[in-house]
Protein backbone atom coordinates (compact mmCIF):
# COMPACT_ATOMS: atom_id res chain seq x y z
CA GLU A 1 0.00 0.00 0.00
CA ASN A 2 1.33 3.40 -1.00
CA THR A 3 -0.03 5.71 1.71
CA LEU A 4 0.42 9.46 1.54
CA VAL A 5 0.24 11.31 4.86
CA PHE A 6 -0.13 15.10 4.95
CA LYS A 7 1.22 16.76 8.08
CA VAL A 8 1.55 20.22 9.54
CA MET A 9 4.47 20.55 11.98
CA GLY A 10 4.52 16.78 12.43
CA LYS A 11 0.78 16.33 13.05
CA MET A 12 -1.35 14.51 10.48
CA PHE A 13 -4.33 16.29 8.89
CA ALA A 14 -4.99 14.08 5.84
CA LEU A 15 -4.29 10.50 4.77
CA THR A 16 -4.89 8.73 1.47
CA ASP A 17 -3.72 5.80 -0.67
CA LEU A 18 -1.87 6.87 -3.82
CA ASP A 19 -2.27 3.58 -5.69
CA ASN A 20 -6.06 3.55 -5.63
CA PHE A 21 -7.26 7.02 -4.66
CA GLU A 22 -10.66 5.85 -3.44
CA SER A 23 -10.89 7.93 -0.28
CA VAL A 24 -9.19 10.46 1.95
CA ASN A 25 -9.25 10.66 5.75
CA LEU A 26 -9.67 14.19 7.12
CA LYS A 27 -9.71 15.51 10.66
CA CYS A 28 -12.98 17.21 11.56
CA ASP A 29 -14.66 18.95 14.46
CA PRO A 30 -16.69 16.20 16.17
CA GLU A 31 -20.08 17.92 15.76
CA MET A 32 -19.38 18.80 12.14
CA ALA A 33 -18.17 15.26 11.49
CA VAL A 34 -21.58 13.88 12.46
CA GLN A 35 -23.41 16.52 10.38
CA LEU A 36 -21.34 15.73 7.29
CA ARG A 37 -21.95 11.99 7.69
CA GLU A 38 -25.69 12.62 7.88
CA GLU A 39 -25.73 14.98 4.89
CA PHE A 40 -23.35 13.20 2.52
CA PRO A 41 -23.47 9.43 1.85
CA ALA A 42 -19.81 9.61 0.71
CA VAL A 43 -18.71 10.74 4.18
CA THR A 44 -18.27 7.97 6.74
CA PRO A 45 -16.56 7.63 10.13
CA GLY A 46 -12.77 7.66 9.78
CA TYR A 47 -11.49 4.30 8.54
CA HIS A 48 -8.86 3.01 11.03
CA MET A 49 -8.98 6.40 12.77
CA ASN A 50 -10.59 7.93 15.86
CA LYS A 51 -14.18 8.03 14.60
CA LYS A 52 -15.02 11.04 16.77
CA HIS A 53 -12.41 13.27 15.12
CA TRP A 54 -11.91 11.79 11.64
CA ASN A 55 -14.05 11.28 8.55
CA THR A 56 -13.35 9.20 5.48
CA VAL A 57 -14.49 10.89 2.28
CA LEU A 58 -15.12 8.47 -0.59
CA MET A 59 -13.92 9.73 -3.97
CA ASP A 60 -17.08 8.63 -5.78
CA GLY A 61 -17.68 11.90 -7.64
CA SER A 62 -20.50 13.04 -5.38
CA ILE A 63 -18.38 15.62 -3.50
CA SER A 64 -17.35 18.70 -5.49
CA ASP A 65 -13.67 19.62 -5.68
CA LYS A 66 -14.51 22.97 -4.07
CA LEU A 67 -16.19 21.32 -1.08
CA LEU A 68 -13.38 18.77 -0.72
CA LYS A 69 -10.82 21.59 -0.74
CA THR A 70 -12.79 23.37 1.99
CA TRP A 71 -12.78 20.21 4.12
CA ILE A 72 -9.02 19.76 3.57
CA ASP A 73 -8.44 23.39 4.57
CA ASP A 74 -10.65 22.89 7.65
CA SER A 75 -8.68 19.76 8.61
CA TYR A 76 -5.38 21.63 8.26
CA SER A 77 -6.68 24.58 10.30
CA LEU A 78 -8.01 22.33 13.04
CA VAL A 79 -4.65 20.58 13.40
CA ALA A 80 -2.67 23.84 13.15
CA ALA A 81 -4.83 25.38 15.90
CA SER A 82 -4.01 22.42 18.19
CA LEU A 83 -0.26 23.06 17.97
CA SER A 84 1.63 24.66 20.81
CA LYS A 85 1.94 28.45 20.73
CA GLN A 86 5.63 28.09 19.78
CA LEU A 87 4.87 25.77 16.86
CA GLN A 88 2.06 28.07 15.70
CA GLN A 89 4.53 30.96 15.67
CA ASP A 90 7.08 28.85 13.80
CA LEU A 91 4.41 27.91 11.25
CA LYS A 92 3.55 31.57 10.64
CA ARG A 93 7.22 32.22 9.82
CA LEU A 94 7.29 29.54 7.10
């Protein structure tokens, strides 16, 4: 399996398989995670992840690129906000 992990300052915010890009795991606010699962059939609890904080988004064509990009940005922001103050300052300097 050829897994691609996206990290910000060492903390993962996205995970996918490069060989068969069928889904992507994204970190999500727990309340929003439930809402997205209810609204979109392609969004399920995070596969092999903490189901409270992660969603798996199936790449079945039902989620627009724009919406997917928003969810990726949200995942990144959520993880970046959880970093220590020092790491957040370091990130701003990059």
